[in-house]
Protein backbone atom coordinates (compact mmCIF):
# COMPACT_ATOMS: atom_id res chain seq x y z
CA MET A 1 137.06 72.52 121.28
CA GLY A 2 140.48 70.85 121.37
CA LYS A 3 142.31 69.45 118.40
CA ARG A 4 142.10 65.80 117.57
CA THR A 5 144.31 63.90 115.19
CA ARG A 6 144.12 60.90 112.93
CA ARG A 7 146.74 59.05 110.92
CA CYS A 8 147.10 60.25 107.37
CA PRO A 9 147.32 57.39 104.88
CA GLY A 10 149.48 57.52 101.81
CA PRO A 11 152.93 58.93 101.09
CA ILE A 12 152.91 61.55 103.83
CA SER A 13 152.46 58.99 106.64
CA GLY A 14 151.84 61.76 109.13
CA GLU A 15 148.85 63.00 111.04
CA ILE A 16 146.14 65.44 110.11
CA ALA A 17 145.25 67.81 112.93
CA TRP A 18 141.56 68.59 112.98
CA ALA A 19 140.39 71.94 114.29
CA ALA A 20 136.79 72.93 114.87
CA GLY A 21 136.55 74.12 111.27
CA GLY A 22 138.25 71.18 109.54
CA ILE A 23 141.81 70.25 108.62
CA ASP A 24 144.32 72.51 110.33
CA SER A 25 147.54 71.10 108.88
CA ILE A 26 149.34 67.92 108.00
CA ARG A 27 152.06 66.77 110.42
CA PRO A 28 154.61 64.86 108.38
CA SER A 29 156.56 62.04 109.96
CA LYS A 30 160.29 61.29 110.09
CA ALA A 31 159.71 58.79 107.29
CA PHE A 32 158.23 61.56 105.14
CA ILE A 33 161.22 63.87 105.48
CA ARG A 34 163.62 60.99 104.78
CA SER A 35 161.72 60.03 101.62
CA HIS A 36 163.02 62.94 99.48
CA VAL A 37 166.05 65.21 99.82
CA ALA A 38 163.86 68.29 99.26
CA TYR A 39 161.64 67.34 102.22
CA PHE A 40 164.70 66.78 104.40
CA ILE A 41 166.12 70.18 103.49
CA ALA A 42 162.80 72.05 103.81
CA PHE A 43 162.21 70.55 107.28
CA GLY A 44 165.71 71.54 108.40
CA GLY A 45 166.86 67.95 108.83
CA GLY A 46 164.00 67.33 111.26
CA ALA A 47 163.92 70.58 113.25
CA GLY A 48 160.59 71.40 111.60
CA LEU A 49 159.00 68.25 113.00
CA SER A 50 158.71 69.87 116.42
CA ARG A 51 155.08 69.93 117.57
CA TYR A 52 155.73 73.22 119.35
CA ALA A 53 157.02 76.32 117.56
CA PRO A 54 158.80 74.63 114.64
CA GLY A 55 159.94 78.00 113.25
CA THR A 56 161.58 78.84 116.55
CA MET A 57 163.20 75.39 116.68
CA GLY A 58 164.54 75.87 113.16
CA THR A 59 165.93 79.26 114.11
CA LEU A 60 167.57 77.82 117.24
CA ALA A 61 169.10 75.03 115.14
CA THR A 62 170.82 77.74 113.12
CA PHE A 63 173.15 78.67 115.99
CA PRO A 64 175.30 75.49 115.99
CA LEU A 65 175.11 75.31 112.20
CA PHE A 66 176.39 78.88 111.92
CA TRP A 67 179.16 78.36 114.48
CA ILE A 68 180.43 75.36 112.52
CA LEU A 69 180.19 77.16 109.17
CA ALA A 70 181.87 80.30 110.54
CA TYR A 71 184.78 78.17 111.78
CA PHE A 72 185.44 76.79 108.28
CA PHE A 73 184.45 79.71 106.01
CA ASP A 74 185.44 83.37 105.84
CA PRO A 75 182.59 85.95 105.78
CA LEU A 76 182.53 86.33 101.99
CA ALA A 77 182.34 82.57 101.46
CA LEU A 78 179.56 82.42 104.07
CA LEU A 79 177.63 85.12 102.20
CA VAL A 80 177.92 83.10 98.99
CA LEU A 81 176.80 80.01 100.92
CA VAL A 82 173.71 81.87 102.18
CA ALA A 83 172.87 82.80 98.57
CA VAL A 84 173.20 79.13 97.59
CA MET A 85 171.07 78.12 100.59
CA PHE A 86 168.41 80.59 99.43
CA LEU A 87 168.35 79.09 95.92
CA ILE A 88 168.23 75.54 97.28
CA GLY A 89 165.43 76.64 99.60
CA ILE A 90 163.32 77.93 96.71
CA TRP A 91 163.49 74.48 95.16
CA ALA A 92 163.15 72.42 98.36
CA CYS A 93 160.29 74.43 99.85
CA GLY A 94 158.48 74.52 96.51
CA VAL A 95 158.67 70.73 96.10
CA THR A 96 157.73 70.09 99.73
CA GLY A 97 154.88 72.60 99.72
CA ARG A 98 153.36 70.95 96.64
CA ALA A 99 153.69 67.50 98.24
CA LEU A 100 151.93 68.70 101.40
CA GLY A 101 149.32 70.77 99.59
CA ASN A 102 150.37 73.81 101.63
CA HIS A 103 152.83 76.20 100.00
CA ASP A 104 154.13 77.47 103.38
CA HIS A 105 153.72 74.59 105.84
CA GLY A 106 154.83 75.58 109.36
CA GLY A 107 157.26 72.66 109.52
CA MET A 108 159.27 73.93 106.57
CA VAL A 109 162.03 75.78 108.44
CA TRP A 110 164.78 76.06 105.82
CA ASP A 111 163.62 79.64 105.27
CA GLU A 112 164.29 80.48 108.94
CA ILE A 113 167.63 78.65 108.88
CA THR A 114 168.80 80.48 105.77
CA ALA A 115 167.61 83.93 106.80
CA PHE A 116 168.92 83.65 110.36
CA THR A 117 172.29 82.45 109.06
CA LEU A 118 172.43 85.75 107.19
CA VAL A 119 171.49 87.64 110.38
CA LEU A 120 174.22 85.91 112.38
CA LEU A 121 176.76 86.65 109.67
CA PHE A 122 176.26 90.40 110.22
CA THR A 123 175.69 90.29 113.99
CA PRO A 124 178.61 90.85 116.39
CA PRO A 125 179.83 87.52 117.81
CA ILE A 126 178.69 88.45 121.31
CA VAL A 127 176.03 86.37 123.09
CA MET A 128 173.81 89.35 123.97
CA TRP A 129 173.84 90.69 120.39
CA GLN A 130 173.01 87.24 119.03
CA ALA A 131 170.23 86.78 121.60
CA PHE A 132 168.67 90.11 120.61
CA ALA A 133 169.07 89.17 116.94
CA PHE A 134 167.22 85.90 117.63
CA LEU A 135 164.38 87.65 119.46
CA LEU A 136 164.00 90.37 116.83
CA PHE A 137 164.08 87.88 113.96
CA ARG A 138 161.43 85.68 115.56
CA LEU A 139 159.30 88.75 116.33
CA PHE A 140 159.41 89.97 112.74
CA ASP A 141 158.85 86.47 111.36
CA ILE A 142 155.82 85.90 113.60
CA ILE A 143 154.03 89.27 113.50
CA LYS A 144 155.00 89.98 109.86
CA PRO A 145 154.90 93.80 109.82
CA PRO A 146 154.66 95.57 106.45
CA PRO A 147 156.06 94.81 103.93
CA ILE A 148 156.60 91.23 105.15
CA ARG A 149 152.86 90.46 105.47
CA TYR A 150 152.18 91.76 101.96
CA TYR A 151 154.76 89.48 100.37
CA ASP A 152 153.82 86.55 102.61
CA GLN A 153 150.24 86.80 101.33
CA THR A 154 151.12 87.64 97.72
CA LEU A 155 154.03 85.41 96.75
CA ARG A 156 153.52 81.66 96.45
CA GLY A 157 155.77 78.68 96.01
CA GLY A 158 159.31 78.27 97.17
CA PHE A 159 160.31 81.84 96.42
CA GLY A 160 157.46 83.22 98.54
CA VAL A 161 158.39 80.93 101.44
CA MET A 162 162.01 82.09 101.35
CA PHE A 163 161.47 85.79 100.57
CA ASP A 164 159.37 86.79 103.59
CA ASP A 165 162.04 85.44 105.96
CA LEU A 166 164.70 87.32 104.01
CA LEU A 167 162.71 90.49 104.70
CA ALA A 168 162.49 89.58 108.41
CA ALA A 169 166.29 89.18 108.38
CA PHE A 170 166.68 92.59 106.73
CA LEU A 171 164.46 94.30 109.33
CA THR A 172 166.36 92.55 112.12
CA LEU A 173 169.70 93.75 110.76
CA LEU A 174 168.29 97.25 110.27
CA CYS A 175 167.25 97.41 113.95
CA LEU A 176 170.60 96.05 115.13
CA ALA A 177 172.47 98.59 112.97
CA ALA A 178 170.33 101.42 114.35
CA TRP A 179 170.96 100.29 117.92
CA LYS A 180 174.68 100.15 117.26
CA ALA A 181 174.67 103.59 115.61
CA LEU A 182 172.73 105.10 118.52
CA GLY A 183 175.15 103.63 121.01
CA VAL A 184 172.60 101.26 122.52
CA GLY A 185 174.94 98.44 121.57
CA SER A 186 177.54 99.65 124.06
CA MET A 187 175.07 98.92 126.87
CA ILE A 188 174.68 95.31 125.77
């Protein structure tokens, strides 16, 4: 049975997607994310409004953001900025999750943006390395291998939303470092 939607009245002004078993998720509108700075941040300025793969869209949006930031900031300043982005994300995703009644709504992509910014910071500035970093990060974020799945299911609120993506970033960087150490990176 396919999904059907209906308009959601009230402050969210989005749609509720109905699955065979009931409400699947709320799809906030542009007006919703413009109504509060926390919603705007959590939805990555609108990248999370994508109907298809919002997490992937948020991760893709990180590339131009990172290139701009890397032009203006040295690596240490960028690392500090990522830490600030993480703290802001705890607040923004917590506020937005409570407003939507879903602590980790799929449209909240600030966690992907923050974590992938960290990945790009430690990835060689070569297109193939960055492409592999993107694919690995999305793989870990989607399949959630241990310990990511444990923390994704255990931690709630803004910290939980942000932390599981930080772990996906760590696993991505670990794989990239291993490939580089084994000399696989020279083939890329």
